[in-house]
Amino acid sequence: MFRRSVGIACWLLAQHFLQRCSDLSAQVIRASQSVVLNLAEGAARGGPAGRYHFDRGRIRIALGSAAEVSAVLDLVDRPDVAVRPVELQRVGAMLRGLTR
């Protein structure tokens, strides 16, 4: 999930279609970076006795940011961005699973 999120954030940084909409470009880049950073921070908090544990608050923030990235990609609505929303949906599904 983390690597997929990093891949999406890096992909967004390299996209030229976002240059036409500088306000959306800045927003989607911040949101994609928020997913990555909140996953990292949530995982770093750890759990009891060294068990792997995610901070649910950070996961919820990451989930909201992933939804924001998805919404911006919906607004752009270009055929060449169809692959990344699938990756983003996978990340969102994994994040939803961690909030339960």
C-alpha atoms as a PDB file:
ATOM      1  CA  MET A   1       0.000   0.000   0.000  1.00  0.00           C
ATOM      2  CA  PHE A   2       2.786   2.402   0.903  1.00  0.00           C
ATOM      3  CA  ARG A   3       4.717   1.696  -2.303  1.00  0.00           C
ATOM      4  CA  ARG A   4       1.572   2.096  -4.406  1.00  0.00           C
ATOM      5  CA  SER A   5       0.931   5.446  -2.726  1.00  0.00           C
ATOM      6  CA  VAL A   6       4.487   6.583  -3.393  1.00  0.00           C
ATOM      7  CA  GLY A   7       4.123   5.501  -7.024  1.00  0.00           C
ATOM      8  CA  ILE A   8       0.942   7.519  -7.425  1.00  0.00           C
ATOM      9  CA  ALA A   9       2.503  10.613  -5.817  1.00  0.00           C
ATOM     10  CA  CYS A  10       5.580  10.372  -8.065  1.00  0.00           C
ATOM     11  CA  TRP A  11       3.419   9.815 -11.134  1.00  0.00           C
ATOM     12  CA  LEU A  12       1.359  12.912 -10.342  1.00  0.00           C
ATOM     13  CA  LEU A  13       4.495  15.040 -10.006  1.00  0.00           C
ATOM     14  CA  ALA A  14       5.507  14.056 -13.531  1.00  0.00           C
ATOM     15  CA  GLN A  15       2.150  14.775 -15.201  1.00  0.00           C
ATOM     16  CA  HIS A  16       1.956  17.620 -17.661  1.00  0.00           C
ATOM     17  CA  PHE A  17      -1.839  17.669 -17.908  1.00  0.00           C
ATOM     18  CA  LEU A  18      -1.945  19.227 -14.442  1.00  0.00           C
ATOM     19  CA  GLN A  19      -0.025  22.301 -15.596  1.00  0.00           C
ATOM     20  CA  ARG A  20      -3.181  23.720 -17.187  1.00  0.00           C
ATOM     21  CA  CYS A  21      -4.884  23.842 -13.787  1.00  0.00           C
ATOM     22  CA  SER A  22      -2.301  25.092 -11.325  1.00  0.00           C
ATOM     23  CA  ASP A  23      -4.747  25.216  -8.409  1.00  0.00           C
ATOM     24  CA  LEU A  24      -5.801  21.594  -8.945  1.00  0.00           C
ATOM     25  CA  SER A  25      -2.213  20.589  -9.568  1.00  0.00           C
ATOM     26  CA  ALA A  26      -1.045  21.949  -6.232  1.00  0.00           C
ATOM     27  CA  GLN A  27      -4.019  20.408  -4.431  1.00  0.00           C
ATOM     28  CA  VAL A  28      -3.632  16.917  -5.907  1.00  0.00           C
ATOM     29  CA  ILE A  29       0.109  16.885  -5.262  1.00  0.00           C
ATOM     30  CA  ARG A  30      -0.400  17.908  -1.618  1.00  0.00           C
ATOM     31  CA  ALA A  31      -3.149  15.291  -1.200  1.00  0.00           C
ATOM     32  CA  SER A  32      -1.064  12.503  -2.753  1.00  0.00           C
ATOM     33  CA  GLN A  33       1.879  13.415  -0.536  1.00  0.00           C
ATOM     34  CA  SER A  34      -0.464  13.464   2.462  1.00  0.00           C
ATOM     35  CA  VAL A  35      -1.413   9.843   1.797  1.00  0.00           C
ATOM     36  CA  VAL A  36       2.250   8.796   1.816  1.00  0.00           C
ATOM     37  CA  LEU A  37       3.244  10.894   4.813  1.00  0.00           C
ATOM     38  CA  ASN A  38       0.285   9.859   6.959  1.00  0.00           C
ATOM     39  CA  LEU A  39       0.926   6.179   6.184  1.00  0.00           C
ATOM     40  CA  ALA A  40       4.552   6.601   7.207  1.00  0.00           C
ATOM     41  CA  GLU A  41       3.685   8.414  10.403  1.00  0.00           C
ATOM     42  CA  GLY A  42       0.882   6.025  11.280  1.00  0.00           C
ATOM     43  CA  ALA A  43       3.126   2.997  10.810  1.00  0.00           C
ATOM     44  CA  ALA A  44       5.997   4.536  12.781  1.00  0.00           C
ATOM     45  CA  ARG A  45       3.956   4.759  15.940  1.00  0.00           C
ATOM     46  CA  GLY A  46       4.072   0.991  16.384  1.00  0.00           C
ATOM     47  CA  GLY A  47       2.055  -1.161  18.690  1.00  0.00           C
ATOM     48  CA  PRO A  48       2.445  -3.015  21.977  1.00  0.00           C
ATOM     49  CA  ALA A  49       5.305  -5.531  22.241  1.00  0.00           C
ATOM     50  CA  GLY A  50       6.668  -4.583  18.806  1.00  0.00           C
ATOM     51  CA  ARG A  51       3.535  -5.645  16.948  1.00  0.00           C
ATOM     52  CA  TYR A  52       2.857  -3.943  13.646  1.00  0.00           C
ATOM     53  CA  HIS A  53       0.142  -1.383  14.234  1.00  0.00           C
ATOM     54  CA  PHE A  54      -1.262   1.575  12.359  1.00  0.00           C
ATOM     55  CA  ASP A  55      -2.518   4.726  14.001  1.00  0.00           C
ATOM     56  CA  ARG A  56      -6.163   4.738  12.872  1.00  0.00           C
ATOM     57  CA  GLY A  57      -6.377   8.518  12.934  1.00  0.00           C
ATOM     58  CA  ARG A  58      -3.554   8.752  10.420  1.00  0.00           C
ATOM     59  CA  ILE A  59      -5.161   6.046   8.289  1.00  0.00           C
ATOM     60  CA  ARG A  60      -8.422   8.008   8.189  1.00  0.00           C
ATOM     61  CA  ILE A  61      -6.554  11.133   7.123  1.00  0.00           C
ATOM     62  CA  ALA A  62      -4.747   9.146   4.407  1.00  0.00           C
ATOM     63  CA  LEU A  63      -8.085   7.724   3.241  1.00  0.00           C
ATOM     64  CA  GLY A  64      -9.564  11.222   2.957  1.00  0.00           C
ATOM     65  CA  SER A  65      -6.536  12.417   1.032  1.00  0.00           C
ATOM     66  CA  ALA A  66      -6.791   9.435  -1.342  1.00  0.00           C
ATOM     67  CA  ALA A  67     -10.433  10.345  -1.976  1.00  0.00           C
ATOM     68  CA  GLU A  68      -9.324  13.911  -2.721  1.00  0.00           C
ATOM     69  CA  VAL A  69      -6.767  12.678  -5.287  1.00  0.00           C
ATOM     70  CA  SER A  70      -9.447  10.550  -6.894  1.00  0.00           C
ATOM     71  CA  ALA A  71     -11.820  13.515  -7.108  1.00  0.00           C
ATOM     72  CA  VAL A  72      -9.208  15.680  -8.828  1.00  0.00           C
ATOM     73  CA  LEU A  73      -8.508  12.916 -11.350  1.00  0.00           C
ATOM     74  CA  ASP A  74     -12.258  12.724 -11.987  1.00  0.00           C
ATOM     75  CA  LEU A  75     -12.293  16.469 -12.674  1.00  0.00           C
ATOM     76  CA  VAL A  76      -9.434  16.179 -15.127  1.00  0.00           C
ATOM     77  CA  ASP A  77     -11.145  13.224 -16.868  1.00  0.00           C
ATOM     78  CA  ARG A  78      -8.511  12.279 -19.422  1.00  0.00           C
ATOM     79  CA  PRO A  79      -8.203   8.842 -21.034  1.00  0.00           C
ATOM     80  CA  ASP A  80      -4.478   8.640 -20.309  1.00  0.00           C
ATOM     81  CA  VAL A  81      -5.036   8.727 -16.535  1.00  0.00           C
ATOM     82  CA  ALA A  82      -7.228   5.614 -16.406  1.00  0.00           C
ATOM     83  CA  VAL A  83      -4.523   3.345 -14.975  1.00  0.00           C
ATOM     84  CA  ARG A  84      -3.745   5.353 -11.856  1.00  0.00           C
ATOM     85  CA  PRO A  85      -7.316   5.583 -10.550  1.00  0.00           C
ATOM     86  CA  VAL A  86      -7.328   1.766 -10.433  1.00  0.00           C
ATOM     87  CA  GLU A  87      -4.176   1.865  -8.304  1.00  0.00           C
ATOM     88  CA  LEU A  88      -5.756   4.565  -6.171  1.00  0.00           C
ATOM     89  CA  GLN A  89      -8.877   2.445  -5.663  1.00  0.00           C
ATOM     90  CA  ARG A  90      -6.667  -0.402  -4.426  1.00  0.00           C
ATOM     91  CA  VAL A  91      -4.962   1.913  -1.955  1.00  0.00           C
ATOM     92  CA  GLY A  92      -8.349   3.195  -0.772  1.00  0.00           C
ATOM     93  CA  ALA A  93      -9.653  -0.355  -0.289  1.00  0.00           C
ATOM     94  CA  MET A  94      -6.579  -1.278   1.766  1.00  0.00           C
ATOM     95  CA  LEU A  95      -6.924   1.871   3.861  1.00  0.00           C
ATOM     96  CA  ARG A  96     -10.623   1.177   4.498  1.00  0.00           C
ATOM     97  CA  GLY A  97      -9.667  -2.319   5.637  1.00  0.00           C
ATOM     98  CA  LEU A  98      -7.256  -0.852   8.201  1.00  0.00           C
ATOM     99  CA  THR A  99      -9.900   1.441   9.702  1.00  0.00           C
ATOM    100  CA  ARG A 100     -12.093  -1.482  10.760  1.00  0.00           C
END
